[in-house]
Amino acid sequence: MSLYISPAPPLAVSHGPIAIWGKDRPLDYFAPTENVRGQNSYLGSSFEGDAKAGEQILRGMVHDPTSYRMGGVAGHAGLFSTADDLARYCQMLLNGGVAPVWPTGRNASVNERASNADARGTLPNGRVSARRILSAQTVAKMTQPYVVAEDGSARGLGWDMNTSFSSNRGDLFPKGSFGHTGFTGTSIWIDPTSQTFVVFMSNRVHPDGKGDVVATRARVATIAASAIEDLPIEKWKEAEARYNAAVSAQIPRFEQLVRASDFSRLQFGGLHSAPPVRLNPAEWDR
């Protein structure tokens, strides 16, 4: 991400923020997370250092316990970023894979973006760069719903859509919008229908790992969605209808595969399914 989403220095997304930014910024520029004792006590581990070291607060170091154990570089967690750069990432997806340009010599302020009401689909100041990050087909594939449970819960490829973890969508963004959360309470939610995204930067683990921002970020998303006044209700209904149709079409197939999987496990476990499920394997990949 740091190579593609941040083409102009300083890099705003990275695995090692101190290595990239630390030479020019004081340590307190980086948000504090949890104390070392707490951070070292996840996943069945326990802190074994002295009391003073245990009370030190992590700054500019990966907090996710698995990524931390892997030296801060892991595929699932560990990136550091800013709200501005995440805004560019969200807008890139809304643009069908094309990243918005940087203003000359600096990032755009929130006020600059908010004041340009006519710049739908671009960020900032109505300009879109020719720098394509993802193909339009890839974005479409990533952001369509895939059923992951018999109750119709669905995710995109790498994105949450409508599961028990989707509270950060809030109450008003339509189904078919998508987003994700991070270990420290961070969240983004993107709605293609209204061309809107919400970036929620938080630090729930400071200082003792016991903070909870689930209700807060859901409320923030609801407030953001309620401020959208130029989206016809018909568009909202159309988005939900498309999503519901896509999910409904997948549920029978998903249930079929679940039954086939359960039957196989029973057979290989020395048991027998009664009555046996008869499926045509030639149809499984249709």
C-alpha atoms as a PDB file:
ATOM      1  CA  MET A   1       0.000   0.000   0.000  1.00  0.00           C
ATOM      2  CA  SER A   2       2.739   2.458   0.810  1.00  0.00           C
ATOM      3  CA  LEU A   3       4.157   2.152  -2.691  1.00  0.00           C
ATOM      4  CA  TYR A   4       0.916   2.796  -4.517  1.00  0.00           C
ATOM      5  CA  ILE A   5      -1.478   4.810  -2.400  1.00  0.00           C
ATOM      6  CA  SER A   6       1.111   7.373  -1.373  1.00  0.00           C
ATOM      7  CA  PRO A   7       3.009   8.420  -4.497  1.00  0.00           C
ATOM      8  CA  ALA A   8       4.331  11.671  -2.988  1.00  0.00           C
ATOM      9  CA  PRO A   9       6.498  11.968   0.156  1.00  0.00           C
ATOM     10  CA  PRO A  10       6.053  11.640   3.015  1.00  0.00           C
ATOM     11  CA  LEU A  11       4.564   8.171   2.742  1.00  0.00           C
ATOM     12  CA  ALA A  12       1.315   8.101   4.680  1.00  0.00           C
ATOM     13  CA  VAL A  13       0.778   4.348   4.755  1.00  0.00           C
ATOM     14  CA  SER A  14       3.528   2.063   5.963  1.00  0.00           C
ATOM     15  CA  HIS A  15       4.489  -0.909   8.091  1.00  0.00           C
ATOM     16  CA  GLY A  16       7.127   1.092   9.941  1.00  0.00           C
ATOM     17  CA  PRO A  17       6.075   4.670  10.665  1.00  0.00           C
ATOM     18  CA  ILE A  18       9.065   5.560  12.814  1.00  0.00           C
ATOM     19  CA  ALA A  19      11.480   4.390  10.132  1.00  0.00           C
ATOM     20  CA  ILE A  20       9.726   6.596   7.573  1.00  0.00           C
ATOM     21  CA  TRP A  21       8.554   9.583   9.614  1.00  0.00           C
ATOM     22  CA  GLY A  22      10.498   9.325  12.854  1.00  0.00           C
ATOM     23  CA  LYS A  23      13.553  11.284  11.728  1.00  0.00           C
ATOM     24  CA  ASP A  24      11.489  14.421  11.231  1.00  0.00           C
ATOM     25  CA  ARG A  25       8.836  14.114  13.947  1.00  0.00           C
ATOM     26  CA  PRO A  26       8.914  13.742  17.729  1.00  0.00           C
ATOM     27  CA  LEU A  27       7.784  10.431  19.203  1.00  0.00           C
ATOM     28  CA  ASP A  28       4.645  12.001  20.617  1.00  0.00           C
ATOM     29  CA  TYR A  29       3.507  12.631  17.020  1.00  0.00           C
ATOM     30  CA  PHE A  30       2.473   8.960  16.978  1.00  0.00           C
ATOM     31  CA  ALA A  31      -0.695   7.991  18.823  1.00  0.00           C
ATOM     32  CA  PRO A  32      -0.017   5.966  21.988  1.00  0.00           C
ATOM     33  CA  THR A  33      -1.614   2.555  22.206  1.00  0.00           C
ATOM     34  CA  GLU A  34      -1.429   0.088  25.088  1.00  0.00           C
ATOM     35  CA  ASN A  35       1.234  -0.443  27.706  1.00  0.00           C
ATOM     36  CA  VAL A  36       3.800  -3.117  26.908  1.00  0.00           C
ATOM     37  CA  ARG A  37       2.532  -5.461  29.628  1.00  0.00           C
ATOM     38  CA  GLY A  38      -0.971  -5.511  28.194  1.00  0.00           C
ATOM     39  CA  GLN A  39       0.135  -5.761  24.587  1.00  0.00           C
ATOM     40  CA  ASN A  40       2.353  -8.740  25.410  1.00  0.00           C
ATOM     41  CA  SER A  41      -0.490 -10.552  27.179  1.00  0.00           C
ATOM     42  CA  TYR A  42      -2.645 -11.538  24.214  1.00  0.00           C
ATOM     43  CA  LEU A  43      -2.928 -14.969  22.596  1.00  0.00           C
ATOM     44  CA  GLY A  44      -2.090 -16.810  25.790  1.00  0.00           C
ATOM     45  CA  SER A  45       1.184 -14.971  26.361  1.00  0.00           C
ATOM     46  CA  SER A  46       2.252 -13.113  29.465  1.00  0.00           C
ATOM     47  CA  PHE A  47       4.693 -10.258  29.996  1.00  0.00           C
ATOM     48  CA  GLU A  48       7.911 -11.376  31.655  1.00  0.00           C
ATOM     49  CA  GLY A  49       9.871  -8.120  31.880  1.00  0.00           C
ATOM     50  CA  ASP A  50      10.338  -5.754  34.798  1.00  0.00           C
ATOM     51  CA  ALA A  51       7.537  -3.514  36.057  1.00  0.00           C
ATOM     52  CA  LYS A  52       8.988  -0.297  34.640  1.00  0.00           C
ATOM     53  CA  ALA A  53       9.323  -1.738  31.138  1.00  0.00           C
ATOM     54  CA  GLY A  54       5.808  -3.131  31.364  1.00  0.00           C
ATOM     55  CA  GLU A  55       4.302   0.274  32.018  1.00  0.00           C
ATOM     56  CA  GLN A  56       5.849   1.853  28.934  1.00  0.00           C
ATOM     57  CA  ILE A  57       3.302   2.871  26.312  1.00  0.00           C
ATOM     58  CA  LEU A  58       3.765   1.720  22.733  1.00  0.00           C
ATOM     59  CA  ARG A  59       4.105   4.505  20.164  1.00  0.00           C
ATOM     60  CA  GLY A  60       4.700   4.009  16.476  1.00  0.00           C
ATOM     61  CA  MET A  61       4.908   0.244  16.917  1.00  0.00           C
ATOM     62  CA  VAL A  62       2.479  -2.349  15.604  1.00  0.00           C
ATOM     63  CA  HIS A  63      -0.109  -3.207  18.220  1.00  0.00           C
ATOM     64  CA  ASP A  64      -1.863  -6.222  16.696  1.00  0.00           C
ATOM     65  CA  PRO A  65      -0.386  -9.127  18.711  1.00  0.00           C
ATOM     66  CA  THR A  66       0.181 -11.473  15.775  1.00  0.00           C
ATOM     67  CA  SER A  67       1.723  -8.801  13.576  1.00  0.00           C
ATOM     68  CA  TYR A  68       3.847  -7.681  16.540  1.00  0.00           C
ATOM     69  CA  ARG A  69       5.236 -11.203  16.892  1.00  0.00           C
ATOM     70  CA  MET A  70       6.047 -11.179  13.175  1.00  0.00           C
ATOM     71  CA  GLY A  71       8.159  -8.052  13.461  1.00  0.00           C
ATOM     72  CA  GLY A  72       5.374  -5.681  12.464  1.00  0.00           C
ATOM     73  CA  VAL A  73       4.981  -6.900   8.887  1.00  0.00           C
ATOM     74  CA  ALA A  74       2.003  -9.166   8.246  1.00  0.00           C
ATOM     75  CA  GLY A  75      -0.676  -9.499   5.607  1.00  0.00           C
ATOM     76  CA  HIS A  76      -3.606  -9.098   7.967  1.00  0.00           C
ATOM     77  CA  ALA A  77      -2.600  -6.131  10.163  1.00  0.00           C
ATOM     78  CA  GLY A  78       0.063  -3.639  11.105  1.00  0.00           C
ATOM     79  CA  LEU A  79      -0.313  -0.727   8.692  1.00  0.00           C
ATOM     80  CA  PHE A  80      -0.021   2.837   9.956  1.00  0.00           C
ATOM     81  CA  SER A  81      -1.799   5.609   8.111  1.00  0.00           C
ATOM     82  CA  THR A  82      -3.583   8.949   8.375  1.00  0.00           C
ATOM     83  CA  ALA A  83      -7.218   9.888   7.893  1.00  0.00           C
ATOM     84  CA  ASP A  84      -6.295  11.875   4.786  1.00  0.00           C
ATOM     85  CA  ASP A  85      -4.542   8.984   3.109  1.00  0.00           C
ATOM     86  CA  LEU A  86      -7.316   6.561   3.990  1.00  0.00           C
ATOM     87  CA  ALA A  87      -9.711   9.063   2.429  1.00  0.00           C
ATOM     88  CA  ARG A  88      -7.698   8.824  -0.787  1.00  0.00           C
ATOM     89  CA  TYR A  89      -7.840   5.027  -0.599  1.00  0.00           C
ATOM     90  CA  CYS A  90     -11.614   5.063  -0.149  1.00  0.00           C
ATOM     91  CA  GLN A  91     -12.026   7.529  -3.004  1.00  0.00           C
ATOM     92  CA  MET A  92      -9.832   5.343  -5.197  1.00  0.00           C
ATOM     93  CA  LEU A  93     -12.345   2.517  -4.736  1.00  0.00           C
ATOM     94  CA  LEU A  94     -15.272   4.842  -5.429  1.00  0.00           C
ATOM     95  CA  ASN A  95     -13.446   5.965  -8.573  1.00  0.00           C
ATOM     96  CA  GLY A  96     -13.349   2.391  -9.824  1.00  0.00           C
ATOM     97  CA  GLY A  97      -9.673   1.942  -9.032  1.00  0.00           C
ATOM     98  CA  VAL A  98      -8.262   5.367  -9.959  1.00  0.00           C
ATOM     99  CA  ALA A  99      -6.449   7.256  -7.201  1.00  0.00           C
ATOM    100  CA  PRO A 100      -7.214  10.964  -6.685  1.00  0.00           C
ATOM    101  CA  VAL A 101      -4.319  13.367  -7.096  1.00  0.00           C
ATOM    102  CA  TRP A 102      -2.400  15.095  -4.333  1.00  0.00           C
ATOM    103  CA  PRO A 103      -2.620  18.874  -4.123  1.00  0.00           C
ATOM    104  CA  THR A 104       0.706  20.469  -4.944  1.00  0.00           C
ATOM    105  CA  GLY A 105       3.119  19.903  -2.078  1.00  0.00           C
ATOM    106  CA  ARG A 106       0.597  18.854   0.548  1.00  0.00           C
ATOM    107  CA  ASN A 107      -2.487  16.824   1.336  1.00  0.00           C
ATOM    108  CA  ALA A 108      -5.991  18.270   1.064  1.00  0.00           C
ATOM    109  CA  SER A 109      -7.650  19.399   4.263  1.00  0.00           C
ATOM    110  CA  VAL A 110     -10.994  18.047   5.376  1.00  0.00           C
ATOM    111  CA  ASN A 111     -12.489  21.508   4.860  1.00  0.00           C
ATOM    112  CA  GLU A 112     -11.195  21.686   1.299  1.00  0.00           C
ATOM    113  CA  ARG A 113     -12.827  18.398   0.452  1.00  0.00           C
ATOM    114  CA  ALA A 114     -16.067  19.234   2.216  1.00  0.00           C
ATOM    115  CA  SER A 115     -16.323  22.665   0.575  1.00  0.00           C
ATOM    116  CA  ASN A 116     -16.197  21.252  -2.938  1.00  0.00           C
ATOM    117  CA  ALA A 117     -19.708  19.856  -3.179  1.00  0.00           C
ATOM    118  CA  ASP A 118     -19.523  19.437  -6.953  1.00  0.00           C
ATOM    119  CA  ALA A 119     -16.539  17.098  -6.884  1.00  0.00           C
ATOM    120  CA  ARG A 120     -18.532  13.867  -6.707  1.00  0.00           C
ATOM    121  CA  GLY A 121     -16.280  10.917  -7.392  1.00  0.00           C
ATOM    122  CA  THR A 122     -13.101  12.973  -7.230  1.00  0.00           C
ATOM    123  CA  LEU A 123     -10.823  14.100  -4.459  1.00  0.00           C
ATOM    124  CA  PRO A 124      -9.671  16.764  -4.031  1.00  0.00           C
ATOM    125  CA  ASN A 125     -10.811  19.862  -5.956  1.00  0.00           C
ATOM    126  CA  GLY A 126     -12.548  18.007  -8.737  1.00  0.00           C
ATOM    127  CA  ARG A 127      -9.381  16.438 -10.118  1.00  0.00           C
ATOM    128  CA  VAL A 128      -8.721  12.762 -10.697  1.00  0.00           C
ATOM    129  CA  SER A 129      -5.271  11.509 -11.559  1.00  0.00           C
ATOM    130  CA  ALA A 130      -4.571   9.013 -14.298  1.00  0.00           C
ATOM    131  CA  ARG A 131      -2.878   6.769 -11.764  1.00  0.00           C
ATOM    132  CA  ARG A 132      -4.867   3.547 -11.847  1.00  0.00           C
ATOM    133  CA  ILE A 133      -4.317   1.325  -8.811  1.00  0.00           C
ATOM    134  CA  LEU A 134      -6.878  -1.409  -9.475  1.00  0.00           C
ATOM    135  CA  SER A 135      -8.858  -2.306 -12.557  1.00  0.00           C
ATOM    136  CA  ALA A 136     -12.550  -1.476 -12.522  1.00  0.00           C
ATOM    137  CA  GLN A 137     -13.270  -5.194 -12.832  1.00  0.00           C
ATOM    138  CA  THR A 138     -11.194  -5.951  -9.734  1.00  0.00           C
ATOM    139  CA  VAL A 139     -13.015  -3.312  -7.703  1.00  0.00           C
ATOM    140  CA  ALA A 140     -16.366  -4.696  -8.865  1.00  0.00           C
ATOM    141  CA  LYS A 141     -15.322  -8.230  -7.917  1.00  0.00           C
ATOM    142  CA  MET A 142     -14.018  -7.129  -4.516  1.00  0.00           C
ATOM    143  CA  THR A 143     -17.157  -5.239  -3.615  1.00  0.00           C
ATOM    144  CA  GLN A 144     -19.932  -7.595  -4.672  1.00  0.00           C
ATOM    145  CA  PRO A 145     -21.572  -9.709  -1.944  1.00  0.00           C
ATOM    146  CA  TYR A 146     -20.541 -13.302  -1.322  1.00  0.00           C
ATOM    147  CA  VAL A 147     -22.730 -15.317   1.039  1.00  0.00           C
ATOM    148  CA  VAL A 148     -20.751 -16.726   3.975  1.00  0.00           C
ATOM    149  CA  ALA A 149     -23.529 -18.173   6.157  1.00  0.00           C
ATOM    150  CA  GLU A 150     -26.904 -19.815   5.728  1.00  0.00           C
ATOM    151  CA  ASP A 151     -28.634 -16.804   7.260  1.00  0.00           C
ATOM    152  CA  GLY A 152     -27.518 -14.698   4.291  1.00  0.00           C
ATOM    153  CA  SER A 153     -24.577 -12.971   5.945  1.00  0.00           C
ATOM    154  CA  ALA A 154     -22.290 -11.685   3.226  1.00  0.00           C
ATOM    155  CA  ARG A 155     -18.828 -10.270   2.707  1.00  0.00           C
ATOM    156  CA  GLY A 156     -16.894  -8.874  -0.217  1.00  0.00           C
ATOM    157  CA  LEU A 157     -13.355  -9.970  -1.041  1.00  0.00           C
ATOM    158  CA  GLY A 158     -11.486  -8.509   1.911  1.00  0.00           C
ATOM    159  CA  TRP A 159     -14.485  -6.412   2.971  1.00  0.00           C
ATOM    160  CA  ASP A 160     -17.323  -6.774   5.423  1.00  0.00           C
ATOM    161  CA  MET A 161     -20.823  -6.077   4.124  1.00  0.00           C
ATOM    162  CA  ASN A 162     -23.581  -7.533   6.253  1.00  0.00           C
ATOM    163  CA  THR A 163     -22.464  -9.806   9.086  1.00  0.00           C
ATOM    164  CA  SER A 164     -22.479  -9.714  12.866  1.00  0.00           C
ATOM    165  CA  PHE A 165     -19.368  -7.511  12.602  1.00  0.00           C
ATOM    166  CA  SER A 166     -20.976  -4.839  10.394  1.00  0.00           C
ATOM    167  CA  SER A 167     -22.156  -2.462  13.103  1.00  0.00           C
ATOM    168  CA  ASN A 168     -19.755   0.172  11.745  1.00  0.00           C
ATOM    169  CA  ARG A 169     -22.128   0.533   8.768  1.00  0.00           C
ATOM    170  CA  GLY A 170     -24.482   2.339  11.105  1.00  0.00           C
ATOM    171  CA  ASP A 171     -28.240   2.369  10.641  1.00  0.00           C
ATOM    172  CA  LEU A 172     -28.664   4.274   7.373  1.00  0.00           C
ATOM    173  CA  PHE A 173     -26.092   3.268   4.777  1.00  0.00           C
ATOM    174  CA  PRO A 174     -27.687   0.730   2.422  1.00  0.00           C
ATOM    175  CA  LYS A 175     -26.757  -2.907   2.238  1.00  0.00           C
ATOM    176  CA  GLY A 176     -24.217  -3.309  -0.509  1.00  0.00           C
ATOM    177  CA  SER A 177     -21.961  -0.692   1.024  1.00  0.00           C
ATOM    178  CA  PHE A 178     -18.800  -2.158   2.513  1.00  0.00           C
ATOM    179  CA  GLY A 179     -16.004  -1.572   5.008  1.00  0.00           C
ATOM    180  CA  HIS A 180     -13.753  -3.034   7.656  1.00  0.00           C
ATOM    181  CA  THR A 181     -12.500  -2.502  11.191  1.00  0.00           C
ATOM    182  CA  GLY A 182      -9.072  -2.639  12.799  1.00  0.00           C
ATOM    183  CA  PHE A 183      -7.778  -4.043  16.076  1.00  0.00           C
ATOM    184  CA  THR A 184      -7.479  -0.650  17.754  1.00  0.00           C
ATOM    185  CA  GLY A 185     -11.062   0.302  16.867  1.00  0.00           C
ATOM    186  CA  THR A 186     -10.356   1.962  13.532  1.00  0.00           C
ATOM    187  CA  SER A 187     -12.922   1.662  10.771  1.00  0.00           C
ATOM    188  CA  ILE A 188     -13.765   2.673   7.249  1.00  0.00           C
ATOM    189  CA  TRP A 189     -17.138   2.303   5.555  1.00  0.00           C
ATOM    190  CA  ILE A 190     -17.724   3.056   1.870  1.00  0.00           C
ATOM    191  CA  ASP A 191     -21.066   3.582   0.159  1.00  0.00           C
ATOM    192  CA  PRO A 192     -20.956   3.607  -3.663  1.00  0.00           C
ATOM    193  CA  THR A 193     -24.630   4.603  -3.880  1.00  0.00           C
ATOM    194  CA  SER A 194     -24.134   7.992  -2.235  1.00  0.00           C
ATOM    195  CA  GLN A 195     -20.409   8.200  -3.140  1.00  0.00           C
ATOM    196  CA  THR A 196     -19.682   8.593   0.566  1.00  0.00           C
ATOM    197  CA  PHE A 197     -17.127   7.121   2.923  1.00  0.00           C
ATOM    198  CA  VAL A 198     -16.540   7.357   6.657  1.00  0.00           C
ATOM    199  CA  VAL A 199     -13.028   7.111   8.097  1.00  0.00           C
ATOM    200  CA  PHE A 200     -13.020   6.499  11.845  1.00  0.00           C
ATOM    201  CA  MET A 201      -9.618   6.714  13.526  1.00  0.00           C
ATOM    202  CA  SER A 202      -9.561   5.557  17.129  1.00  0.00           C
ATOM    203  CA  ASN A 203      -7.285   4.110  19.757  1.00  0.00           C
ATOM    204  CA  ARG A 204      -9.509   2.011  21.978  1.00  0.00           C
ATOM    205  CA  VAL A 205      -6.579   0.077  23.450  1.00  0.00           C
ATOM    206  CA  HIS A 206      -5.075   3.121  25.171  1.00  0.00           C
ATOM    207  CA  PRO A 207      -3.939   2.754  27.865  1.00  0.00           C
ATOM    208  CA  ASP A 208      -4.991  -0.661  29.146  1.00  0.00           C
ATOM    209  CA  GLY A 209      -6.606  -2.451  26.188  1.00  0.00           C
ATOM    210  CA  LYS A 210     -10.106  -2.259  27.681  1.00  0.00           C
ATOM    211  CA  GLY A 211     -11.688   0.483  25.570  1.00  0.00           C
ATOM    212  CA  ASP A 212     -14.736  -0.171  23.402  1.00  0.00           C
ATOM    213  CA  VAL A 213     -15.743   2.072  20.492  1.00  0.00           C
ATOM    214  CA  VAL A 214     -18.212  -0.239  18.725  1.00  0.00           C
ATOM    215  CA  ALA A 215     -21.272   1.848  19.580  1.00  0.00           C
ATOM    216  CA  THR A 216     -19.454   5.121  18.928  1.00  0.00           C
ATOM    217  CA  ARG A 217     -18.272   4.291  15.421  1.00  0.00           C
ATOM    218  CA  ALA A 218     -21.734   2.958  14.521  1.00  0.00           C
ATOM    219  CA  ARG A 219     -23.238   6.232  15.699  1.00  0.00           C
ATOM    220  CA  VAL A 220     -20.689   8.242  13.711  1.00  0.00           C
ATOM    221  CA  ALA A 221     -21.590   6.312  10.540  1.00  0.00           C
ATOM    222  CA  THR A 222     -25.287   6.900  11.155  1.00  0.00           C
ATOM    223  CA  ILE A 223     -24.748  10.641  11.636  1.00  0.00           C
ATOM    224  CA  ALA A 224     -22.653  10.814   8.456  1.00  0.00           C
ATOM    225  CA  ALA A 225     -25.295   8.990   6.443  1.00  0.00           C
ATOM    226  CA  SER A 226     -28.067  11.178   7.869  1.00  0.00           C
ATOM    227  CA  ALA A 227     -26.253  14.270   6.575  1.00  0.00           C
ATOM    228  CA  ILE A 228     -26.601  13.111   2.949  1.00  0.00           C
ATOM    229  CA  GLU A 229     -29.527  15.098   1.587  1.00  0.00           C
ATOM    230  CA  ASP A 230     -29.079  14.763  -2.180  1.00  0.00           C
ATOM    231  CA  LEU A 231     -29.600  10.996  -2.517  1.00  0.00           C
ATOM    232  CA  PRO A 232     -33.100  10.130  -3.784  1.00  0.00           C
ATOM    233  CA  ILE A 233     -34.747   7.440  -1.700  1.00  0.00           C
ATOM    234  CA  GLU A 234     -35.313   5.483  -4.903  1.00  0.00           C
ATOM    235  CA  LYS A 235     -31.544   5.095  -5.312  1.00  0.00           C
ATOM    236  CA  TRP A 236     -31.226   3.793  -1.764  1.00  0.00           C
ATOM    237  CA  LYS A 237     -34.019   1.267  -2.376  1.00  0.00           C
ATOM    238  CA  GLU A 238     -32.457   0.184  -5.667  1.00  0.00           C
ATOM    239  CA  ALA A 239     -29.126  -0.465  -3.954  1.00  0.00           C
ATOM    240  CA  GLU A 240     -30.756  -2.593  -1.262  1.00  0.00           C
ATOM    241  CA  ALA A 241     -32.811  -4.467  -3.858  1.00  0.00           C
ATOM    242  CA  ARG A 242     -29.705  -5.305  -5.905  1.00  0.00           C
ATOM    243  CA  TYR A 243     -27.904  -6.506  -2.816  1.00  0.00           C
ATOM    244  CA  ASN A 244     -30.841  -8.611  -1.585  1.00  0.00           C
ATOM    245  CA  ALA A 245     -31.300 -10.176  -5.021  1.00  0.00           C
ATOM    246  CA  ALA A 246     -27.621 -11.115  -5.246  1.00  0.00           C
ATOM    247  CA  VAL A 247     -27.651 -12.655  -1.777  1.00  0.00           C
ATOM    248  CA  SER A 248     -30.937 -14.515  -2.275  1.00  0.00           C
ATOM    249  CA  ALA A 249     -29.622 -16.062  -5.479  1.00  0.00           C
ATOM    250  CA  GLN A 250     -26.588 -17.463  -3.659  1.00  0.00           C
ATOM    251  CA  ILE A 251     -28.252 -18.948  -0.570  1.00  0.00           C
ATOM    252  CA  PRO A 252     -29.564 -22.194  -2.146  1.00  0.00           C
ATOM    253  CA  ARG A 253     -26.142 -22.934  -3.607  1.00  0.00           C
ATOM    254  CA  PHE A 254     -24.448 -22.148  -0.305  1.00  0.00           C
ATOM    255  CA  GLU A 255     -26.823 -24.438   1.619  1.00  0.00           C
ATOM    256  CA  GLN A 256     -26.167 -27.193  -0.899  1.00  0.00           C
ATOM    257  CA  LEU A 257     -22.436 -26.950  -0.396  1.00  0.00           C
ATOM    258  CA  VAL A 258     -22.837 -26.924   3.389  1.00  0.00           C
ATOM    259  CA  ARG A 259     -24.886 -30.120   3.274  1.00  0.00           C
ATOM    260  CA  ALA A 260     -22.346 -31.747   0.991  1.00  0.00           C
ATOM    261  CA  SER A 261     -19.503 -30.741   3.307  1.00  0.00           C
ATOM    262  CA  ASP A 262     -21.331 -32.025   6.392  1.00  0.00           C
ATOM    263  CA  PHE A 263     -22.061 -35.323   4.637  1.00  0.00           C
ATOM    264  CA  SER A 264     -18.392 -35.772   3.688  1.00  0.00           C
ATOM    265  CA  ARG A 265     -17.235 -35.087   7.235  1.00  0.00           C
ATOM    266  CA  LEU A 266     -19.720 -37.608   8.629  1.00  0.00           C
ATOM    267  CA  GLN A 267     -18.624 -40.302   6.188  1.00  0.00           C
ATOM    268  CA  PHE A 268     -14.910 -39.861   6.765  1.00  0.00           C
ATOM    269  CA  GLY A 269     -15.532 -39.703  10.494  1.00  0.00           C
ATOM    270  CA  GLY A 270     -16.918 -43.219  10.491  1.00  0.00           C
ATOM    271  CA  LEU A 271     -20.538 -42.105  10.686  1.00  0.00           C
ATOM    272  CA  HIS A 272     -23.250 -42.051   8.083  1.00  0.00           C
ATOM    273  CA  SER A 273     -25.592 -39.300   7.088  1.00  0.00           C
ATOM    274  CA  ALA A 274     -29.263 -40.216   7.047  1.00  0.00           C
ATOM    275  CA  PRO A 275     -30.777 -39.608   4.634  1.00  0.00           C
ATOM    276  CA  PRO A 276     -27.750 -39.269   2.346  1.00  0.00           C
ATOM    277  CA  VAL A 277     -27.440 -36.079   0.339  1.00  0.00           C
ATOM    278  CA  ARG A 278     -27.196 -36.701  -3.393  1.00  0.00           C
ATOM    279  CA  LEU A 279     -25.346 -33.963  -5.235  1.00  0.00           C
ATOM    280  CA  ASN A 280     -23.952 -33.807  -8.719  1.00  0.00           C
ATOM    281  CA  PRO A 281     -20.298 -32.743  -8.380  1.00  0.00           C
ATOM    282  CA  ALA A 282     -20.390 -31.456 -11.944  1.00  0.00           C
ATOM    283  CA  GLU A 283     -22.751 -28.748 -10.762  1.00  0.00           C
ATOM    284  CA  TRP A 284     -20.692 -27.576  -7.791  1.00  0.00           C
ATOM    285  CA  ASP A 285     -18.686 -25.027  -9.700  1.00  0.00           C
ATOM    286  CA  ARG A 286     -21.582 -23.492 -11.569  1.00  0.00           C
END
